[in-house]
Amino acid sequence: NAMDPTTGENYYMQYSQAGLKRYNPDSNSWASMQSLPASVQITRVVEFFPELGGLIVGDFYAGTWLWKKSNNSWSQLTAGNLTSGPSPNTNLMASYNNYGAYNPTSKVMIFGGGNGSNVTFKVDATGKVTRVADSPVSFGISTGIVLPNNKNGNFLGFHHNGNIYQYNVTSNSWQQVGSGSPLAGLNLNNGGHRIGGAILEYGLYIFMTATPARVWLYKF
């Protein structure tokens, strides 16, 4: 799911389905948007990109797509495992359990990874998608969380190996920048379900874990 930071509207794509739904918090109502016009994997990356006026969706089967809020329409940006189109092909990343994150400072989104994959893609404010430096470890739903670092426009990756990594957008490089990740030792195989988010105004990161049931605040 993803949120429009201006309106607070939430967008949701269901497991194994190409349909898109929007929740309006003002009217407390849901509405169906135009479905993505391609076959999709069971899960995919969905992230709101304000400069592009809508959602970026990265899917192993379908490729990379832009949904425009202004006219409720889709346009394809790259190829996928089941679709032809421009490079790079999203089948370079794992087939599911991928991650995605947008940084409002650098106006860049990165996504990729997934089950055992270190492949990373970047989307810029023109909608150009490129493959960038591979991450040093595999990030995704089962291994770690990648969030924006608004201090410098980069991205921080919190991994279940206990380390914290940073992707530098300018130098196109990853490096370890710390340890003590609150996700240390947690993964989906041992009940470590978790979510994370960035509180950008305060430079804070919040994590919620299911096993153990805890809320963490981290300041980088």
Protein backbone atom coordinates (compact mmCIF):
# COMPACT_ATOMS: atom_id res chain seq x y z
CA ASN A 1 0.00 0.00 0.00
CA ALA A 2 1.04 3.66 -0.34
CA MET A 3 -0.10 7.10 0.80
CA ASP A 4 -0.42 10.45 -0.93
CA PRO A 5 1.41 12.73 1.55
CA THR A 6 -0.60 15.78 0.47
CA THR A 7 -4.13 14.41 0.82
CA GLY A 8 -3.60 11.47 3.16
CA GLU A 9 -5.34 9.18 0.70
CA ASN A 10 -4.22 5.55 0.88
CA TYR A 11 -3.80 3.18 -2.06
CA TYR A 12 -4.00 -0.58 -1.86
CA MET A 13 -3.35 -3.44 -4.29
CA GLN A 14 -4.60 -6.82 -3.16
CA TYR A 15 -2.53 -10.00 -3.00
CA SER A 16 -2.25 -11.65 -6.45
CA GLN A 17 -4.58 -9.09 -8.06
CA ALA A 18 -4.05 -6.13 -10.41
CA GLY A 19 -6.90 -4.05 -8.96
CA LEU A 20 -6.17 -0.72 -7.29
CA LYS A 21 -8.30 0.81 -4.53
CA ARG A 22 -8.13 4.26 -2.94
CA TYR A 23 -9.22 5.17 0.57
CA ASN A 24 -10.37 8.74 1.22
CA PRO A 25 -9.94 9.61 4.93
CA ASP A 26 -12.18 12.69 4.66
CA SER A 27 -15.21 10.73 3.49
CA ASN A 28 -14.15 7.44 5.11
CA SER A 29 -14.81 5.65 1.83
CA TRP A 30 -13.10 3.34 -0.66
CA ALA A 31 -13.19 3.63 -4.46
CA SER A 32 -11.89 1.35 -7.20
CA MET A 33 -9.35 2.82 -9.59
CA GLN A 34 -8.31 1.52 -13.01
CA SER A 35 -6.67 -1.91 -12.70
CA LEU A 36 -3.08 -2.38 -13.83
CA PRO A 37 -3.41 -3.77 -17.38
CA ALA A 38 -0.99 -6.69 -17.04
CA SER A 39 -0.56 -9.99 -15.23
CA VAL A 40 0.93 -9.51 -11.76
CA GLN A 41 2.84 -11.56 -9.21
CA ILE A 42 1.40 -12.35 -5.79
CA THR A 43 3.03 -9.24 -4.27
CA ARG A 44 4.61 -6.10 -5.69
CA VAL A 45 6.08 -2.70 -4.79
CA VAL A 46 3.60 0.21 -4.58
CA GLU A 47 4.92 3.70 -3.74
CA PHE A 48 3.48 7.20 -4.19
CA PHE A 49 5.76 9.53 -6.20
CA PRO A 50 4.49 13.14 -5.89
CA GLU A 51 6.63 14.60 -8.70
CA LEU A 52 5.20 12.02 -11.10
CA GLY A 53 1.65 12.65 -9.89
CA GLY A 54 0.81 9.13 -8.85
CA LEU A 55 1.98 5.64 -8.00
CA ILE A 56 5.02 3.68 -9.08
CA VAL A 57 4.36 -0.05 -9.15
CA GLY A 58 7.22 -2.52 -9.57
CA ASP A 59 6.16 -6.10 -10.30
CA PHE A 60 8.26 -9.12 -11.33
CA TYR A 61 5.73 -10.21 -13.97
CA ALA A 62 4.30 -6.87 -15.12
CA GLY A 63 7.39 -4.62 -15.05
CA THR A 64 7.43 -1.04 -13.77
CA TRP A 65 4.30 1.08 -14.21
CA LEU A 66 3.16 4.61 -13.42
CA TRP A 67 -0.44 5.24 -12.39
CA LYS A 68 -1.44 8.90 -12.89
CA LYS A 69 -3.88 10.27 -10.36
CA SER A 70 -5.03 13.10 -12.66
CA ASN A 71 -6.63 10.81 -15.24
CA ASN A 72 -6.69 7.40 -13.51
CA SER A 73 -4.53 5.80 -16.19
CA TRP A 74 -1.47 3.54 -16.41
CA SER A 75 1.69 3.80 -18.49
CA GLN A 76 4.46 1.21 -18.65
CA LEU A 77 8.01 2.28 -17.80
CA THR A 78 9.95 -1.01 -18.05
CA ALA A 79 9.52 -4.62 -19.08
CA GLY A 80 8.71 -7.50 -16.76
CA ASN A 81 9.01 -11.25 -16.89
CA LEU A 82 5.69 -11.53 -18.77
CA THR A 83 5.68 -8.17 -20.59
CA SER A 84 7.87 -6.59 -23.24
CA GLY A 85 9.08 -3.02 -22.89
CA PRO A 86 12.09 -0.84 -22.13
CA SER A 87 15.01 -2.03 -20.00
CA PRO A 88 15.75 -2.78 -17.23
CA ASN A 89 13.54 -5.81 -16.83
CA THR A 90 12.09 -6.26 -13.35
CA ASN A 91 12.72 -10.02 -13.60
CA LEU A 92 16.28 -9.19 -12.50
CA MET A 93 14.96 -8.84 -8.93
CA ALA A 94 13.36 -11.66 -6.96
CA SER A 95 9.87 -12.72 -7.97
CA TYR A 96 8.24 -11.37 -4.77
CA ASN A 97 8.83 -10.09 -1.21
CA ASN A 98 10.47 -6.98 -2.73
CA TYR A 99 10.85 -3.55 -1.12
CA GLY A 100 10.38 0.05 -2.26
CA ALA A 101 11.05 3.48 -0.74
CA TYR A 102 10.69 7.10 -1.92
CA ASN A 103 12.82 9.99 -0.63
CA PRO A 104 11.22 13.48 -0.81
CA THR A 105 14.60 15.19 -0.41
CA SER A 106 16.33 13.67 -3.44
CA LYS A 107 13.01 12.99 -5.22
CA VAL A 108 14.17 9.47 -5.96
CA MET A 109 12.66 6.05 -5.35
CA ILE A 110 14.56 2.79 -5.06
CA PHE A 111 13.10 -0.71 -5.17
CA GLY A 112 14.06 -4.31 -5.82
CA GLY A 113 15.54 -7.08 -3.70
CA GLY A 114 13.22 -9.77 -2.45
CA ASN A 115 13.96 -13.40 -1.77
CA GLY A 116 17.75 -13.67 -1.96
CA SER A 117 18.15 -10.83 -4.48
CA ASN A 118 20.46 -7.82 -4.12
CA VAL A 119 19.29 -6.11 -7.33
CA THR A 120 18.32 -2.44 -6.91
CA PHE A 121 16.44 -0.14 -9.29
CA LYS A 122 16.13 3.65 -9.12
CA VAL A 123 13.26 5.83 -10.39
CA ASP A 124 13.89 9.56 -10.81
CA ALA A 125 11.49 12.50 -11.04
CA THR A 126 11.26 12.14 -14.84
CA GLY A 127 10.09 8.54 -14.57
CA LYS A 128 13.40 7.10 -15.78
CA VAL A 129 14.14 3.66 -14.31
CA THR A 130 17.74 2.45 -14.06
CA ARG A 131 19.49 -0.45 -12.40
CA VAL A 132 21.93 0.85 -9.80
CA ALA A 133 24.49 -0.73 -7.47
CA ASP A 134 23.45 -4.01 -5.88
CA SER A 135 22.81 -3.87 -2.14
CA PRO A 136 25.38 -5.66 0.06
CA VAL A 137 22.62 -7.84 1.54
CA SER A 138 19.17 -8.82 0.34
CA PHE A 139 16.41 -6.49 1.51
CA GLY A 140 12.72 -7.30 1.35
CA ILE A 141 9.67 -8.30 3.34
CA SER A 142 11.42 -11.29 4.91
CA THR A 143 14.85 -9.75 5.62
CA GLY A 144 14.80 -6.02 6.26
CA ILE A 145 13.27 -2.59 5.72
CA VAL A 146 14.56 0.27 3.54
CA LEU A 147 13.50 3.82 4.48
CA PRO A 148 14.38 7.37 3.33
CA ASN A 149 17.07 9.42 5.06
CA ASN A 150 15.80 12.95 4.49
CA LYS A 151 18.91 14.54 6.00
CA ASN A 152 20.92 13.79 2.88
CA GLY A 153 18.47 12.35 0.36
CA ASN A 154 19.84 8.83 0.74
CA PHE A 155 18.25 5.60 2.00
CA LEU A 156 18.80 3.52 5.13
CA GLY A 157 18.43 -0.25 5.14
CA PHE A 158 17.73 -1.96 8.46
CA HIS A 159 18.58 -5.65 8.14
CA HIS A 160 17.80 -8.65 10.30
CA ASN A 161 21.55 -9.42 10.50
CA GLY A 162 21.72 -6.48 12.92
CA ASN A 163 23.49 -4.05 10.58
CA ILE A 164 22.33 -0.75 9.11
CA TYR A 165 23.30 0.15 5.53
CA GLN A 166 23.02 3.35 3.52
CA TYR A 167 22.51 3.77 -0.21
CA ASN A 168 24.12 6.99 -1.43
CA VAL A 169 22.13 8.31 -4.37
CA THR A 170 24.89 10.62 -5.65
CA SER A 171 27.76 8.12 -5.56
CA ASN A 172 25.54 5.12 -6.41
CA SER A 173 27.05 3.06 -3.61
CA TRP A 174 26.07 1.14 -0.49
CA GLN A 175 27.97 1.03 2.77
CA GLN A 176 27.44 -0.18 6.31
CA VAL A 177 26.85 2.83 8.56
CA GLY A 178 25.93 1.23 11.85
CA SER A 179 24.82 -1.77 13.83
CA GLY A 180 22.15 -2.42 16.41
CA SER A 181 19.27 -2.66 13.94
CA PRO A 182 16.00 -3.20 15.87
CA LEU A 183 15.24 -5.97 13.37
CA ALA A 184 18.25 -8.06 14.46
CA GLY A 185 17.41 -11.76 14.40
CA LEU A 186 13.89 -11.24 13.10
CA ASN A 187 12.58 -12.74 9.87
CA LEU A 188 9.34 -14.24 8.63
CA ASN A 189 10.61 -17.75 9.25
CA ASN A 190 10.71 -17.25 13.01
CA GLY A 191 7.54 -15.19 13.39
CA GLY A 192 9.31 -11.84 13.06
CA HIS A 193 6.55 -9.96 11.25
CA ARG A 194 7.24 -6.22 11.34
CA ILE A 195 6.54 -2.88 9.75
CA GLY A 196 8.59 0.30 9.71
CA GLY A 197 8.29 3.94 8.76
CA ALA A 198 10.19 7.21 8.77
CA ILE A 199 9.09 10.25 10.79
CA LEU A 200 11.01 12.62 8.55
CA GLU A 201 10.33 15.87 10.43
CA TYR A 202 12.23 14.53 13.45
CA GLY A 203 14.75 12.24 11.78
CA LEU A 204 13.19 9.25 13.53
CA TYR A 205 12.40 5.72 12.41
CA ILE A 206 9.63 3.66 13.96
CA PHE A 207 9.34 -0.12 13.88
CA MET A 208 6.65 -2.47 15.17
CA THR A 209 7.39 -6.16 15.63
CA ALA A 210 4.93 -8.98 16.28
CA THR A 211 7.25 -11.50 17.92
CA PRO A 212 8.26 -10.10 20.32
CA ALA A 213 5.43 -7.53 20.43
CA ARG A 214 7.35 -4.27 20.61
CA VAL A 215 7.53 -0.73 19.22
CA TRP A 216 10.96 0.72 18.53
CA LEU A 217 12.08 4.29 17.88
CA TYR A 218 15.48 4.77 16.23
CA LYS A 219 17.34 8.03 15.62
CA PHE A 220 20.12 7.98 13.03
